[in-house]
Amino acid sequence: MSQSSPVPVVERVDARNRYEVLVDGERAGLTAYRDRGEQRVFYHTEIDDAFAGQGLASRLVQDALTDVRDSGKRIVPVCPYVAKFLQRREEFADLVDAVTPDVLRWLDSQLG
């Protein structure tokens, strides 16, 4: 059974506070978060240059946000990519909390 291109797999890596997208078992990118109570604060998304232009960031964020919904948490999109994604995807609108100065100060203290 041959496939023209490998199917990307998204995994949550709790130990590293991020979701990773894997292509053929190789990490192609990640979206990083910190949990603040019931909120999952996304602050950084990146796709490796070798995998650019394949729609992986969109797939990664879609799966990550679906996981947040399934776990009963809220989404705080500090990351510009996640924020832009959410503007295009109405189905997550009810889960989004505003990025406030409080959240940003808290995130700074978490990331040190």
Protein backbone atom coordinates (compact mmCIF):
# COMPACT_ATOMS: atom_id res chain seq x y z
CA MET A 1 0.00 0.00 0.00
CA SER A 2 1.77 3.13 -1.16
CA GLN A 3 0.98 6.69 -0.17
CA SER A 4 2.02 9.75 -2.12
CA SER A 5 2.86 11.59 1.07
CA PRO A 6 3.09 10.57 4.72
CA VAL A 7 0.16 11.50 6.94
CA PRO A 8 1.17 14.00 9.63
CA VAL A 9 0.53 12.96 13.22
CA VAL A 10 -0.07 15.46 16.04
CA GLU A 11 0.91 14.48 19.58
CA ARG A 12 0.61 16.32 22.88
CA VAL A 13 3.93 16.20 24.74
CA ASP A 14 3.00 17.17 28.31
CA ALA A 15 6.56 16.95 29.61
CA ARG A 16 7.54 19.72 27.21
CA ASN A 17 4.27 21.72 27.30
CA ARG A 18 3.72 21.48 23.60
CA TYR A 19 2.03 19.72 20.74
CA GLU A 20 4.29 18.36 18.03
CA VAL A 21 3.46 17.49 14.43
CA LEU A 22 5.39 14.48 13.13
CA VAL A 23 5.92 13.49 9.51
CA ASP A 24 7.32 9.99 9.04
CA GLY A 25 8.24 10.03 12.74
CA GLU A 26 10.29 13.21 12.37
CA ARG A 27 9.25 16.33 14.28
CA ALA A 28 8.22 18.89 11.69
CA GLY A 29 7.00 21.59 14.06
CA LEU A 30 5.41 22.45 17.37
CA THR A 31 3.01 24.74 19.15
CA ALA A 32 4.01 25.56 22.73
CA TYR A 33 1.70 26.28 25.64
CA ARG A 34 1.52 26.75 29.37
CA ASP A 35 -1.52 25.83 31.46
CA ARG A 36 -2.96 28.54 33.73
CA GLY A 37 -5.79 26.97 35.68
CA GLU A 38 -8.47 26.08 33.13
CA GLN A 39 -6.68 28.04 30.42
CA ARG A 40 -4.19 26.65 27.93
CA VAL A 41 -2.08 29.64 26.88
CA PHE A 42 -0.52 29.14 23.43
CA TYR A 43 2.51 31.38 22.95
CA HIS A 44 4.62 30.02 20.08
CA THR A 45 4.14 27.99 16.90
CA GLU A 46 6.85 26.98 14.46
CA ILE A 47 7.26 24.67 11.49
CA ASP A 48 10.75 23.62 10.40
CA ASP A 49 11.79 25.14 7.06
CA ALA A 50 12.13 21.69 5.49
CA PHE A 51 8.39 21.16 6.03
CA ALA A 52 7.12 24.64 5.14
CA GLY A 53 4.21 25.08 2.75
CA GLN A 54 2.54 21.74 3.48
CA GLY A 55 -0.28 23.07 5.65
CA LEU A 56 1.28 21.50 8.75
CA ALA A 57 0.87 24.55 11.01
CA SER A 58 -2.85 24.61 10.31
CA ARG A 59 -3.16 20.86 10.94
CA LEU A 60 -1.10 21.14 14.13
CA VAL A 61 -3.13 24.01 15.57
CA GLN A 62 -6.46 22.45 14.54
CA ASP A 63 -5.60 19.21 16.37
CA ALA A 64 -4.18 21.04 19.38
CA LEU A 65 -7.30 23.19 19.77
CA THR A 66 -9.54 20.15 19.35
CA ASP A 67 -7.59 18.48 22.16
CA VAL A 68 -8.06 21.57 24.35
CA ARG A 69 -11.81 21.42 23.72
CA ASP A 70 -11.91 17.70 24.52
CA SER A 71 -10.05 18.28 27.79
CA GLY A 72 -12.50 20.99 28.89
CA LYS A 73 -9.97 23.81 28.92
CA ARG A 74 -10.08 27.31 27.44
CA ILE A 75 -7.81 28.76 24.75
CA VAL A 76 -5.71 31.91 25.19
CA PRO A 77 -4.05 32.76 21.85
CA VAL A 78 -0.92 34.76 22.71
CA CYS A 79 0.76 33.20 19.66
CA PRO A 80 -0.04 35.32 16.55
CA TYR A 81 -0.48 32.22 14.38
CA VAL A 82 -3.00 30.67 16.78
CA ALA A 83 -4.84 34.01 17.04
CA LYS A 84 -5.04 34.28 13.24
CA PHE A 85 -6.18 30.67 12.94
CA LEU A 86 -8.96 31.30 15.45
CA GLN A 87 -10.23 34.31 13.48
CA ARG A 88 -10.88 31.96 10.55
CA ARG A 89 -12.38 29.11 12.58
CA GLU A 90 -15.68 29.89 14.23
CA GLU A 91 -16.05 26.45 15.81
CA PHE A 92 -13.58 27.37 18.58
CA ALA A 93 -14.95 30.86 19.29
CA ASP A 94 -16.78 29.78 22.47
CA LEU A 95 -13.52 28.51 23.99
CA VAL A 96 -11.35 31.59 23.49
CA ASP A 97 -10.35 33.90 26.33
CA ALA A 98 -8.85 37.32 25.68
CA VAL A 99 -5.13 37.91 25.95
CA THR A 100 -4.90 40.32 28.88
CA PRO A 101 -1.94 42.13 30.50
CA ASP A 102 -2.40 39.73 33.45
CA VAL A 103 -1.98 36.71 31.19
CA LEU A 104 1.09 38.23 29.53
CA ARG A 105 2.71 39.02 32.89
CA TRP A 106 1.95 35.49 34.09
CA LEU A 107 3.40 34.00 30.90
CA ASP A 108 6.59 36.07 31.25
CA SER A 109 7.01 34.72 34.78
CA GLN A 110 6.47 31.15 33.53
CA LEU A 111 8.97 31.44 30.71
CA GLY A 112 11.48 33.35 32.80
